[in-house]
Amino acid sequence: MRKAPSSLQDLRRRIYHKAKSEQPHRFWGLFVHVAKRDTLAAAYQQAKRNGGAPGLDGQTFADIEAAGLDHFLEALRNELLAGTYQPQPNRVVEIPKDKDKVRKL
């Protein structure tokens, strides 16, 4: 398992300790950290390492990298900061169950 950059690990650790020690605390400034270029790049690398499947748009990691990873991350960051980012719906996968039944995941 690969570790996140130390600055991201430190941020996660500080958020965890704050959440555990002060449960009514609300993290109003968390969005600033989510929209950082380093955080988005680390999230992309983690999804790629985990073998993330294409979404409903069919865009793969290879497609993103062919078009330019920096461009993709910058466009995502700009959408987040502008408030125009709209996540795509989740891809539905049917898991077989007993006696010809399926469960949607």
PDB file of N, CA and C in Angstrom:
ATOM      1  N   MET A   1       0.843  -1.180   0.000  1.00  0.00           N
ATOM      2  CA  MET A   1       0.000   0.000   0.000  1.00  0.00           C
ATOM      3  C   MET A   1       0.886   1.240   0.000  1.00  0.00           C
ATOM      4  N   ARG A   2       0.593   2.157  -0.871  1.00  0.00           N
ATOM      5  CA  ARG A   2       1.363   3.392  -0.947  1.00  0.00           C
ATOM      6  C   ARG A   2       0.726   4.448  -0.066  1.00  0.00           C
ATOM      7  N   LYS A   3       1.573   5.283   0.491  1.00  0.00           N
ATOM      8  CA  LYS A   3       1.084   6.330   1.379  1.00  0.00           C
ATOM      9  C   LYS A   3       0.809   7.609   0.600  1.00  0.00           C
ATOM     10  N   ALA A   4      -0.097   8.398   1.134  1.00  0.00           N
ATOM     11  CA  ALA A   4      -0.371   9.714   0.575  1.00  0.00           C
ATOM     12  C   ALA A   4       0.796  10.628   0.924  1.00  0.00           C
ATOM     13  N   PRO A   5       0.945  11.731   0.205  1.00  0.00           N
ATOM     14  CA  PRO A   5       2.005  12.683   0.563  1.00  0.00           C
ATOM     15  C   PRO A   5       1.885  13.089   2.024  1.00  0.00           C
ATOM     16  N   SER A   6       3.018  13.393   2.641  1.00  0.00           N
ATOM     17  CA  SER A   6       3.021  13.676   4.075  1.00  0.00           C
ATOM     18  C   SER A   6       2.105  14.834   4.446  1.00  0.00           C
ATOM     19  N   SER A   7       1.995  15.853   3.591  1.00  0.00           N
ATOM     20  CA  SER A   7       1.107  16.974   3.913  1.00  0.00           C
ATOM     21  C   SER A   7      -0.349  16.519   3.939  1.00  0.00           C
ATOM     22  N   LEU A   8      -0.711  15.617   3.047  1.00  0.00           N
ATOM     23  CA  LEU A   8      -2.076  15.096   3.027  1.00  0.00           C
ATOM     24  C   LEU A   8      -2.324  14.178   4.218  1.00  0.00           C
ATOM     25  N   GLN A   9      -1.322  13.368   4.559  1.00  0.00           N
ATOM     26  CA  GLN A   9      -1.449  12.511   5.745  1.00  0.00           C
ATOM     27  C   GLN A   9      -1.612  13.356   7.003  1.00  0.00           C
ATOM     28  N   ASP A  10      -0.844  14.437   7.086  1.00  0.00           N
ATOM     29  CA  ASP A  10      -0.934  15.321   8.245  1.00  0.00           C
ATOM     30  C   ASP A  10      -2.312  15.957   8.329  1.00  0.00           C
ATOM     31  N   LEU A  11      -2.852  16.387   7.189  1.00  0.00           N
ATOM     32  CA  LEU A  11      -4.192  16.974   7.166  1.00  0.00           C
ATOM     33  C   LEU A  11      -5.224  15.957   7.636  1.00  0.00           C
ATOM     34  N   ARG A  12      -5.159  14.731   7.116  1.00  0.00           N
ATOM     35  CA  ARG A  12      -6.091  13.683   7.535  1.00  0.00           C
ATOM     36  C   ARG A  12      -5.991  13.430   9.038  1.00  0.00           C
ATOM     37  N   ARG A  13      -4.781  13.370   9.549  1.00  0.00           N
ATOM     38  CA  ARG A  13      -4.565  13.108  10.967  1.00  0.00           C
ATOM     39  C   ARG A  13      -5.150  14.224  11.826  1.00  0.00           C
ATOM     40  N   ARG A  14      -4.905  15.482  11.419  1.00  0.00           N
ATOM     41  CA  ARG A  14      -5.425  16.615  12.191  1.00  0.00           C
ATOM     42  C   ARG A  14      -6.958  16.643  12.174  1.00  0.00           C
ATOM     43  N   ILE A  15      -7.558  16.355  11.022  1.00  0.00           N
ATOM     44  CA  ILE A  15      -9.024  16.317  10.927  1.00  0.00           C
ATOM     45  C   ILE A  15      -9.573  15.211  11.809  1.00  0.00           C
ATOM     46  N   TYR A  16      -8.934  14.040  11.776  1.00  0.00           N
ATOM     47  CA  TYR A  16      -9.387  12.907  12.586  1.00  0.00           C
ATOM     48  C   TYR A  16      -9.350  13.254  14.074  1.00  0.00           C
ATOM     49  N   HIS A  17      -8.224  13.804  14.530  1.00  0.00           N
ATOM     50  CA  HIS A  17      -8.100  14.130  15.955  1.00  0.00           C
ATOM     51  C   HIS A  17      -9.098  15.211  16.376  1.00  0.00           C
ATOM     52  N   LYS A  18      -9.290  16.190  15.522  1.00  0.00           N
ATOM     53  CA  LYS A  18     -10.241  17.262  15.830  1.00  0.00           C
ATOM     54  C   LYS A  18     -11.667  16.706  15.907  1.00  0.00           C
ATOM     55  N   ALA A  19     -12.018  15.816  14.968  1.00  0.00           N
ATOM     56  CA  ALA A  19     -13.367  15.237  14.952  1.00  0.00           C
ATOM     57  C   ALA A  19     -13.613  14.375  16.179  1.00  0.00           C
ATOM     58  N   LYS A  20     -12.594  13.647  16.622  1.00  0.00           N
ATOM     59  CA  LYS A  20     -12.756  12.789  17.794  1.00  0.00           C
ATOM     60  C   LYS A  20     -12.774  13.582  19.101  1.00  0.00           C
ATOM     61  N   SER A  21     -11.966  14.635  19.184  1.00  0.00           N
ATOM     62  CA  SER A  21     -11.877  15.380  20.443  1.00  0.00           C
ATOM     63  C   SER A  21     -13.003  16.403  20.602  1.00  0.00           C
ATOM     64  N   GLU A  22     -13.504  16.948  19.501  1.00  0.00           N
ATOM     65  CA  GLU A  22     -14.565  17.949  19.559  1.00  0.00           C
ATOM     66  C   GLU A  22     -15.698  17.535  18.617  1.00  0.00           C
ATOM     67  N   GLN A  23     -16.541  16.630  19.059  1.00  0.00           N
ATOM     68  CA  GLN A  23     -17.566  16.071  18.179  1.00  0.00           C
ATOM     69  C   GLN A  23     -18.559  17.082  17.623  1.00  0.00           C
ATOM     70  N   PRO A  24     -18.943  18.129  18.343  1.00  0.00           N
ATOM     71  CA  PRO A  24     -19.882  19.082  17.735  1.00  0.00           C
ATOM     72  C   PRO A  24     -19.214  20.025  16.714  1.00  0.00           C
ATOM     73  N   HIS A  25     -17.881  19.977  16.572  1.00  0.00           N
ATOM     74  CA  HIS A  25     -17.165  20.871  15.652  1.00  0.00           C
ATOM     75  C   HIS A  25     -17.597  20.632  14.210  1.00  0.00           C
ATOM     76  N   ARG A  26     -17.777  21.711  13.465  1.00  0.00           N
ATOM     77  CA  ARG A  26     -18.125  21.631  12.044  1.00  0.00           C
ATOM     78  C   ARG A  26     -16.933  22.109  11.234  1.00  0.00           C
ATOM     79  N   PHE A  27     -16.593  21.385  10.208  1.00  0.00           N
ATOM     80  CA  PHE A  27     -15.407  21.667   9.411  1.00  0.00           C
ATOM     81  C   PHE A  27     -15.761  22.544   8.209  1.00  0.00           C
ATOM     82  N   TRP A  28     -15.957  23.813   8.451  1.00  0.00           N
ATOM     83  CA  TRP A  28     -16.374  24.741   7.413  1.00  0.00           C
ATOM     84  C   TRP A  28     -15.272  24.977   6.386  1.00  0.00           C
ATOM     85  N   GLY A  29     -14.032  24.900   6.763  1.00  0.00           N
ATOM     86  CA  GLY A  29     -12.922  25.188   5.854  1.00  0.00           C
ATOM     87  C   GLY A  29     -12.384  23.968   5.131  1.00  0.00           C
ATOM     88  N   LEU A  30     -13.070  22.851   5.209  1.00  0.00           N
ATOM     89  CA  LEU A  30     -12.582  21.611   4.618  1.00  0.00           C
ATOM     90  C   LEU A  30     -12.553  21.663   3.094  1.00  0.00           C
ATOM     91  N   PHE A  31     -13.485  22.363   2.481  1.00  0.00           N
ATOM     92  CA  PHE A  31     -13.568  22.430   1.028  1.00  0.00           C
ATOM     93  C   PHE A  31     -12.286  22.985   0.410  1.00  0.00           C
ATOM     94  N   VAL A  32     -11.663  23.933   1.065  1.00  0.00           N
ATOM     95  CA  VAL A  32     -10.420  24.523   0.569  1.00  0.00           C
ATOM     96  C   VAL A  32      -9.363  23.442   0.381  1.00  0.00           C
ATOM     97  N   HIS A  33      -9.288  22.511   1.320  1.00  0.00           N
ATOM     98  CA  HIS A  33      -8.299  21.438   1.244  1.00  0.00           C
ATOM     99  C   HIS A  33      -8.666  20.402   0.187  1.00  0.00           C
ATOM    100  N   VAL A  34      -9.945  20.142   0.008  1.00  0.00           N
ATOM    101  CA  VAL A  34     -10.398  19.180  -1.001  1.00  0.00           C
ATOM    102  C   VAL A  34     -10.065  19.687  -2.398  1.00  0.00           C
ATOM    103  N   ALA A  35     -10.200  20.983  -2.621  1.00  0.00           N
ATOM    104  CA  ALA A  35      -9.984  21.563  -3.944  1.00  0.00           C
ATOM    105  C   ALA A  35      -8.507  21.818  -4.262  1.00  0.00           C
ATOM    106  N   LYS A  36      -7.602  21.485  -3.362  1.00  0.00           N
ATOM    107  CA  LYS A  36      -6.177  21.680  -3.646  1.00  0.00           C
ATOM    108  C   LYS A  36      -5.718  20.718  -4.736  1.00  0.00           C
ATOM    109  N   ARG A  37      -4.810  21.184  -5.542  1.00  0.00           N
ATOM    110  CA  ARG A  37      -4.272  20.368  -6.649  1.00  0.00           C
ATOM    111  C   ARG A  37      -3.635  19.085  -6.130  1.00  0.00           C
ATOM    112  N   ASP A  38      -2.892  19.173  -5.030  1.00  0.00           N
ATOM    113  CA  ASP A  38      -2.231  17.986  -4.458  1.00  0.00           C
ATOM    114  C   ASP A  38      -3.254  16.950  -3.999  1.00  0.00           C
ATOM    115  N   THR A  39      -4.336  17.404  -3.386  1.00  0.00           N
ATOM    116  CA  THR A  39      -5.370  16.491  -2.908  1.00  0.00           C
ATOM    117  C   THR A  39      -6.063  15.797  -4.079  1.00  0.00           C
ATOM    118  N   LEU A  40      -6.373  16.543  -5.123  1.00  0.00           N
ATOM    119  CA  LEU A  40      -7.025  15.956  -6.298  1.00  0.00           C
ATOM    120  C   LEU A  40      -6.101  14.958  -6.993  1.00  0.00           C
ATOM    121  N   ALA A  41      -4.813  15.287  -7.081  1.00  0.00           N
ATOM    122  CA  ALA A  41      -3.847  14.371  -7.711  1.00  0.00           C
ATOM    123  C   ALA A  41      -3.694  13.089  -6.892  1.00  0.00           C
ATOM    124  N   ALA A  42      -3.670  13.218  -5.561  1.00  0.00           N
ATOM    125  CA  ALA A  42      -3.560  12.035  -4.700  1.00  0.00           C
ATOM    126  C   ALA A  42      -4.812  11.169  -4.819  1.00  0.00           C
ATOM    127  N   ALA A  43      -5.989  11.789  -4.903  1.00  0.00           N
ATOM    128  CA  ALA A  43      -7.236  11.035  -5.054  1.00  0.00           C
ATOM    129  C   ALA A  43      -7.262  10.306  -6.396  1.00  0.00           C
ATOM    130  N   TYR A  44      -6.784  10.963  -7.440  1.00  0.00           N
ATOM    131  CA  TYR A  44      -6.719  10.330  -8.769  1.00  0.00           C
ATOM    132  C   TYR A  44      -5.794   9.115  -8.731  1.00  0.00           C
ATOM    133  N   GLN A  45      -4.624   9.280  -8.152  1.00  0.00           N
ATOM    134  CA  GLN A  45      -3.662   8.175  -8.091  1.00  0.00           C
ATOM    135  C   GLN A  45      -4.205   7.010  -7.267  1.00  0.00           C
ATOM    136  N   GLN A  46      -4.906   7.308  -6.183  1.00  0.00           N
ATOM    137  CA  GLN A  46      -5.481   6.253  -5.347  1.00  0.00           C
ATOM    138  C   GLN A  46      -6.562   5.490  -6.115  1.00  0.00           C
ATOM    139  N   ALA A  47      -7.421   6.208  -6.839  1.00  0.00           N
ATOM    140  CA  ALA A  47      -8.462   5.547  -7.631  1.00  0.00           C
ATOM    141  C   ALA A  47      -7.842   4.696  -8.730  1.00  0.00           C
ATOM    142  N   LYS A  48      -6.781   5.187  -9.333  1.00  0.00           N
ATOM    143  CA  LYS A  48      -6.106   4.428 -10.384  1.00  0.00           C
ATOM    144  C   LYS A  48      -5.458   3.165  -9.822  1.00  0.00           C
ATOM    145  N   ARG A  49      -4.801   3.279  -8.666  1.00  0.00           N
ATOM    146  CA  ARG A  49      -4.171   2.109  -8.025  1.00  0.00           C
ATOM    147  C   ARG A  49      -5.206   1.069  -7.631  1.00  0.00           C
ATOM    148  N   ASN A  50      -6.391   1.529  -7.231  1.00  0.00           N
ATOM    149  CA  ASN A  50      -7.454   0.607  -6.813  1.00  0.00           C
ATOM    150  C   ASN A  50      -8.164  -0.036  -7.997  1.00  0.00           C
ATOM    151  N   GLY A  51      -7.760   0.309  -9.205  1.00  0.00           N
ATOM    152  CA  GLY A  51      -8.378  -0.282 -10.390  1.00  0.00           C
ATOM    153  C   GLY A  51      -9.779   0.232 -10.637  1.00  0.00           C
ATOM    154  N   GLY A  52     -10.008   1.500 -10.390  1.00  0.00           N
ATOM    155  CA  GLY A  52     -11.330   2.086 -10.580  1.00  0.00           C
ATOM    156  C   GLY A  52     -11.848   1.878 -11.994  1.00  0.00           C
ATOM    157  N   ALA A  53     -13.095   1.534 -12.113  1.00  0.00           N
ATOM    158  CA  ALA A  53     -13.729   1.274 -13.408  1.00  0.00           C
ATOM    159  C   ALA A  53     -14.248   2.585 -13.998  1.00  0.00           C
ATOM    160  N   PRO A  54     -14.433   2.640 -15.319  1.00  0.00           N
ATOM    161  CA  PRO A  54     -15.002   3.839 -15.935  1.00  0.00           C
ATOM    162  C   PRO A  54     -16.414   4.106 -15.421  1.00  0.00           C
ATOM    163  N   GLY A  55     -16.794   5.350 -15.405  1.00  0.00           N
ATOM    164  CA  GLY A  55     -18.142   5.712 -14.980  1.00  0.00           C
ATOM    165  C   GLY A  55     -19.122   5.550 -16.121  1.00  0.00           C
ATOM    166  N   LEU A  56     -20.267   6.184 -16.000  1.00  0.00           N
ATOM    167  CA  LEU A  56     -21.291   6.088 -17.042  1.00  0.00           C
ATOM    168  C   LEU A  56     -20.829   6.698 -18.358  1.00  0.00           C
ATOM    169  N   ASP A  57     -19.893   7.647 -18.293  1.00  0.00           N
ATOM    170  CA  ASP A  57     -19.389   8.265 -19.519  1.00  0.00           C
ATOM    171  C   ASP A  57     -18.380   7.382 -20.250  1.00  0.00           C
ATOM    172  N   GLY A  58     -17.930   6.305 -19.612  1.00  0.00           N
ATOM    173  CA  GLY A  58     -17.001   5.373 -20.245  1.00  0.00           C
ATOM    174  C   GLY A  58     -15.564   5.860 -20.285  1.00  0.00           C
ATOM    175  N   GLN A  59     -15.259   6.971 -19.642  1.00  0.00           N
ATOM    176  CA  GLN A  59     -13.914   7.530 -19.661  1.00  0.00           C
ATOM    177  C   GLN A  59     -12.996   6.730 -18.739  1.00  0.00           C
ATOM    178  N   THR A  60     -11.891   6.228 -19.300  1.00  0.00           N
ATOM    179  CA  THR A  60     -10.942   5.418 -18.538  1.00  0.00           C
ATOM    180  C   THR A  60      -9.766   6.281 -18.098  1.00  0.00           C
ATOM    181  N   PHE A  61      -8.922   5.705 -17.257  1.00  0.00           N
ATOM    182  CA  PHE A  61      -7.707   6.408 -16.835  1.00  0.00           C
ATOM    183  C   PHE A  61      -6.812   6.681 -18.038  1.00  0.00           C
ATOM    184  N   ALA A  62      -6.749   5.720 -18.966  1.00  0.00           N
ATOM    185  CA  ALA A  62      -5.938   5.898 -20.174  1.00  0.00           C
ATOM    186  C   ALA A  62      -6.463   7.067 -21.010  1.00  0.00           C
ATOM    187  N   ASP A  63      -7.785   7.213 -21.103  1.00  0.00           N
ATOM    188  CA  ASP A  63      -8.378   8.329 -21.837  1.00  0.00           C
ATOM    189  C   ASP A  63      -8.009   9.665 -21.200  1.00  0.00           C
ATOM    190  N   ILE A  64      -8.095   9.720 -19.889  1.00  0.00           N
ATOM    191  CA  ILE A  64      -7.773  10.952 -19.161  1.00  0.00           C
ATOM    192  C   ILE A  64      -6.316  11.319 -19.374  1.00  0.00           C
ATOM    193  N   GLU A  65      -5.431  10.337 -19.250  1.00  0.00           N
ATOM    194  CA  GLU A  65      -4.006  10.609 -19.390  1.00  0.00           C
ATOM    195  C   GLU A  65      -3.628  10.946 -20.825  1.00  0.00           C
ATOM    196  N   ALA A  66      -4.335  10.367 -21.799  1.00  0.00           N
ATOM    197  CA  ALA A  66      -4.077  10.694 -23.204  1.00  0.00           C
ATOM    198  C   ALA A  66      -4.462  12.145 -23.500  1.00  0.00           C
ATOM    199  N   ALA A  67      -5.533  12.618 -22.888  1.00  0.00           N
ATOM    200  CA  ALA A  67      -5.975  13.992 -23.083  1.00  0.00           C
ATOM    201  C   ALA A  67      -5.184  14.975 -22.230  1.00  0.00           C
ATOM    202  N   GLY A  68      -4.465  14.471 -21.240  1.00  0.00           N
ATOM    203  CA  GLY A  68      -3.658  15.329 -20.363  1.00  0.00           C
ATOM    204  C   GLY A  68      -4.189  15.342 -18.945  1.00  0.00           C
ATOM    205  N   LEU A  69      -3.466  14.684 -18.062  1.00  0.00           N
ATOM    206  CA  LEU A  69      -3.881  14.604 -16.654  1.00  0.00           C
ATOM    207  C   LEU A  69      -3.915  15.982 -16.008  1.00  0.00           C
ATOM    208  N   ASP A  70      -2.913  16.811 -16.289  1.00  0.00           N
ATOM    209  CA  ASP A  70      -2.887  18.155 -15.697  1.00  0.00           C
ATOM    210  C   ASP A  70      -4.115  18.959 -16.110  1.00  0.00           C
ATOM    211  N   HIS A  71      -4.490  18.857 -17.374  1.00  0.00           N
ATOM    212  CA  HIS A  71      -5.673  19.566 -17.869  1.00  0.00           C
ATOM    213  C   HIS A  71      -6.935  19.060 -17.156  1.00  0.00           C
ATOM    214  N   PHE A  72      -7.056  17.741 -16.987  1.00  0.00           N
ATOM    215  CA  PHE A  72      -8.210  17.145 -16.318  1.00  0.00           C
ATOM    216  C   PHE A  72      -8.319  17.631 -14.878  1.00  0.00           C
ATOM    217  N   LEU A  73      -7.205  17.575 -14.146  1.00  0.00           N
ATOM    218  CA  LEU A  73      -7.226  17.987 -12.736  1.00  0.00           C
ATOM    219  C   LEU A  73      -7.498  19.476 -12.596  1.00  0.00           C
ATOM    220  N   GLU A  74      -6.942  20.281 -13.493  1.00  0.00           N
ATOM    221  CA  GLU A  74      -7.171  21.724 -13.423  1.00  0.00           C
ATOM    222  C   GLU A  74      -8.631  22.053 -13.740  1.00  0.00           C
ATOM    223  N   ALA A  75      -9.216  21.360 -14.732  1.00  0.00           N
ATOM    224  CA  ALA A  75     -10.620  21.585 -15.069  1.00  0.00           C
ATOM    225  C   ALA A  75     -11.522  21.172 -13.906  1.00  0.00           C
ATOM    226  N   LEU A  76     -11.203  20.053 -13.269  1.00  0.00           N
ATOM    227  CA  LEU A  76     -11.971  19.599 -12.111  1.00  0.00           C
ATOM    228  C   LEU A  76     -11.881  20.608 -10.975  1.00  0.00           C
ATOM    229  N   ARG A  77     -10.683  21.089 -10.723  1.00  0.00           N
ATOM    230  CA  ARG A  77     -10.470  22.077  -9.658  1.00  0.00           C
ATOM    231  C   ARG A  77     -11.254  23.359  -9.950  1.00  0.00           C
ATOM    232  N   ASN A  78     -11.213  23.820 -11.195  1.00  0.00           N
ATOM    233  CA  ASN A  78     -11.942  25.041 -11.566  1.00  0.00           C
ATOM    234  C   ASN A  78     -13.447  24.860 -11.391  1.00  0.00           C
ATOM    235  N   GLU A  79     -13.966  23.690 -11.759  1.00  0.00           N
ATOM    236  CA  GLU A  79     -15.395  23.426 -11.568  1.00  0.00           C
ATOM    237  C   GLU A  79     -15.754  23.408 -10.088  1.00  0.00           C
ATOM    238  N   LEU A  80     -14.897  22.817  -9.259  1.00  0.00           N
ATOM    239  CA  LEU A  80     -15.158  22.790  -7.816  1.00  0.00           C
ATOM    240  C   LEU A  80     -15.181  24.207  -7.247  1.00  0.00           C
ATOM    241  N   LEU A  81     -14.195  25.008  -7.618  1.00  0.00           N
ATOM    242  CA  LEU A  81     -14.105  26.365  -7.073  1.00  0.00           C
ATOM    243  C   LEU A  81     -15.225  27.266  -7.589  1.00  0.00           C
ATOM    244  N   ALA A  82     -15.669  27.035  -8.824  1.00  0.00           N
ATOM    245  CA  ALA A  82     -16.748  27.846  -9.391  1.00  0.00           C
ATOM    246  C   ALA A  82     -18.128  27.392  -8.910  1.00  0.00           C
ATOM    247  N   GLY A  83     -18.178  26.204  -8.307  1.00  0.00           N
ATOM    248  CA  GLY A  83     -19.456  25.684  -7.837  1.00  0.00           C
ATOM    249  C   GLY A  83     -20.291  25.065  -8.941  1.00  0.00           C
ATOM    250  N   THR A  84     -19.668  24.745 -10.073  1.00  0.00           N
ATOM    251  CA  THR A  84     -20.401  24.184 -11.205  1.00  0.00           C
ATOM    252  C   THR A  84     -20.210  22.673 -11.347  1.00  0.00           C
ATOM    253  N   TYR A  85     -19.413  22.064 -10.495  1.00  0.00           N
ATOM    254  CA  TYR A  85     -19.161  20.626 -10.593  1.00  0.00           C
ATOM    255  C   TYR A  85     -20.425  19.845 -10.274  1.00  0.00           C
ATOM    256  N   GLN A  86     -20.784  18.937 -11.161  1.00  0.00           N
ATOM    257  CA  GLN A  86     -21.930  18.057 -10.950  1.00  0.00           C
ATOM    258  C   GLN A  86     -21.445  16.618 -11.083  1.00  0.00           C
ATOM    259  N   PRO A  87     -21.423  15.857  -9.996  1.00  0.00           N
ATOM    260  CA  PRO A  87     -20.973  14.467 -10.103  1.00  0.00           C
ATOM    261  C   PRO A  87     -21.940  13.657 -10.958  1.00  0.00           C
ATOM    262  N   GLN A  88     -21.388  12.679 -11.662  1.00  0.00           N
ATOM    263  CA  GLN A  88     -22.220  11.811 -12.484  1.00  0.00           C
ATOM    264  C   GLN A  88     -22.922  10.803 -11.586  1.00  0.00           C
ATOM    265  N   PRO A  89     -24.052  10.280 -12.035  1.00  0.00           N
ATOM    266  CA  PRO A  89     -24.719   9.236 -11.247  1.00  0.00           C
ATOM    267  C   PRO A  89     -23.828   8.005 -11.136  1.00  0.00           C
ATOM    268  N   ASN A  90     -24.030   7.241 -10.091  1.00  0.00           N
ATOM    269  CA  ASN A  90     -23.264   6.011  -9.910  1.00  0.00           C
ATOM    270  C   ASN A  90     -23.660   4.972 -10.937  1.00  0.00           C
ATOM    271  N   ARG A  91     -22.698   4.161 -11.311  1.00  0.00           N
ATOM    272  CA  ARG A  91     -22.952   3.055 -12.223  1.00  0.00           C
ATOM    273  C   ARG A  91     -23.579   1.933 -11.418  1.00  0.00           C
ATOM    274  N   VAL A  92     -24.699   1.407 -11.885  1.00  0.00           N
ATOM    275  CA  VAL A  92     -25.393   0.336 -11.171  1.00  0.00           C
ATOM    276  C   VAL A  92     -24.833  -1.014 -11.617  1.00  0.00           C
ATOM    277  N   VAL A  93     -24.498  -1.845 -10.638  1.00  0.00           N
ATOM    278  CA  VAL A  93     -24.000  -3.192 -10.914  1.00  0.00           C
ATOM    279  C   VAL A  93     -24.917  -4.171 -10.188  1.00  0.00           C
ATOM    280  N   GLU A  94     -25.325  -5.216 -10.896  1.00  0.00           N
ATOM    281  CA  GLU A  94     -26.190  -6.221 -10.277  1.00  0.00           C
ATOM    282  C   GLU A  94     -25.343  -7.386  -9.782  1.00  0.00           C
ATOM    283  N   ILE A  95     -25.526  -7.739  -8.507  1.00  0.00           N
ATOM    284  CA  ILE A  95     -24.796  -8.829  -7.885  1.00  0.00           C
ATOM    285  C   ILE A  95     -25.737 -10.021  -7.766  1.00  0.00           C
ATOM    286  N   PRO A  96     -25.335 -11.174  -8.302  1.00  0.00           N
ATOM    287  CA  PRO A  96     -26.222 -12.342  -8.227  1.00  0.00           C
ATOM    288  C   PRO A  96     -26.444 -12.794  -6.778  1.00  0.00           C
ATOM    289  N   LYS A  97     -27.693 -13.168  -6.484  1.00  0.00           N
ATOM    290  CA  LYS A  97     -28.065 -13.693  -5.175  1.00  0.00           C
ATOM    291  C   LYS A  97     -28.644 -15.091  -5.365  1.00  0.00           C
ATOM    292  N   ASP A  98     -29.225 -15.637  -4.324  1.00  0.00           N
ATOM    293  CA  ASP A  98     -29.825 -16.979  -4.398  1.00  0.00           C
ATOM    294  C   ASP A  98     -31.013 -17.023  -5.343  1.00  0.00           C
ATOM    295  N   LYS A  99     -31.211 -18.159  -5.966  1.00  0.00           N
ATOM    296  CA  LYS A  99     -32.421 -18.459  -6.753  1.00  0.00           C
ATOM    297  C   LYS A  99     -32.769 -17.372  -7.779  1.00  0.00           C
ATOM    298  N   ASP A 100     -31.863 -17.071  -8.655  1.00  0.00           N
ATOM    299  CA  ASP A 100     -32.083 -16.161  -9.771  1.00  0.00           C
ATOM    300  C   ASP A 100     -32.455 -14.736  -9.345  1.00  0.00           C
ATOM    301  N   LYS A 101     -32.068 -14.346  -8.157  1.00  0.00           N
ATOM    302  CA  LYS A 101     -32.316 -12.989  -7.712  1.00  0.00           C
ATOM    303  C   LYS A 101     -31.024 -12.195  -7.838  1.00  0.00           C
ATOM    304  N   VAL A 102     -31.159 -10.878  -7.950  1.00  0.00           N
ATOM    305  CA  VAL A 102     -29.983 -10.009  -8.003  1.00  0.00           C
ATOM    306  C   VAL A 102     -30.181  -8.864  -7.020  1.00  0.00           C
ATOM    307  N   ARG A 103     -29.059  -8.327  -6.599  1.00  0.00           N
ATOM    308  CA  ARG A 103     -29.079  -7.150  -5.719  1.00  0.00           C
ATOM    309  C   ARG A 103     -28.334  -6.059  -6.441  1.00  0.00           C
ATOM    310  N   LYS A 104     -28.904  -4.877  -6.479  1.00  0.00           N
ATOM    311  CA  LYS A 104     -28.247  -3.747  -7.146  1.00  0.00           C
ATOM    312  C   LYS A 104     -27.283  -3.077  -6.187  1.00  0.00           C
ATOM    313  N   LEU A 105     -26.120  -2.794  -6.706  1.00  0.00           N
ATOM    314  CA  LEU A 105     -25.076  -2.125  -5.921  1.00  0.00           C
ATOM    315  C   LEU A 105     -24.770  -0.806  -6.558  1.00  0.00           C
TER     316      LEU A 105
END
